[in-house]
Amino acid sequence: QLQLVESGGGLVQAGGSLRLSCGASGHALDKVAMGWFRQAPGKEREFVAAISWSDSIARHSDSVRGRFTISRDNAANTVYLQMNSLKPDDTAVYYCAASYGMLAGSTPVQGWEYDYWGQGTQVTVSS
């Protein structure tokens, strides 16, 4: 069974950067679409970014486009989220997720499209 573990969260000042990692074990990620979601206190979980298993096609939400970048290293079985120009509104628990069975090039954006989830990592951006 696939297991996902996020790391790299922490406390950063507004304008700073963090790089989140999502390491997978139990199954190779080479045919698995991956995504990042976040959930702030009192808010619903929201889509942040997704990357297809073929050609690493990326999709980012409007709120992070131009600041965040999702990438993957299948050889390392790891997915990354580079976060630049962080804002206090980016404060949330960030989760990575894996989606099986997607067509080539697909970048799923709905939580129900994902089969496995990590435990999350806290990102706090101070003003």
Foldseek 3Di string as FASTA:
>chain_A
DKAKAKDFADEEAAQAKIKIKIAIPDDQCLQKKKFKWWDDPPGDIFGAKIFGSPPRDIDGDPVQPPFWDWDDDRVRRMIMIIGGRDDQVVWTWMKMFIAPDDDGPDTDGDPVRTDDMHPTDTHGYHD
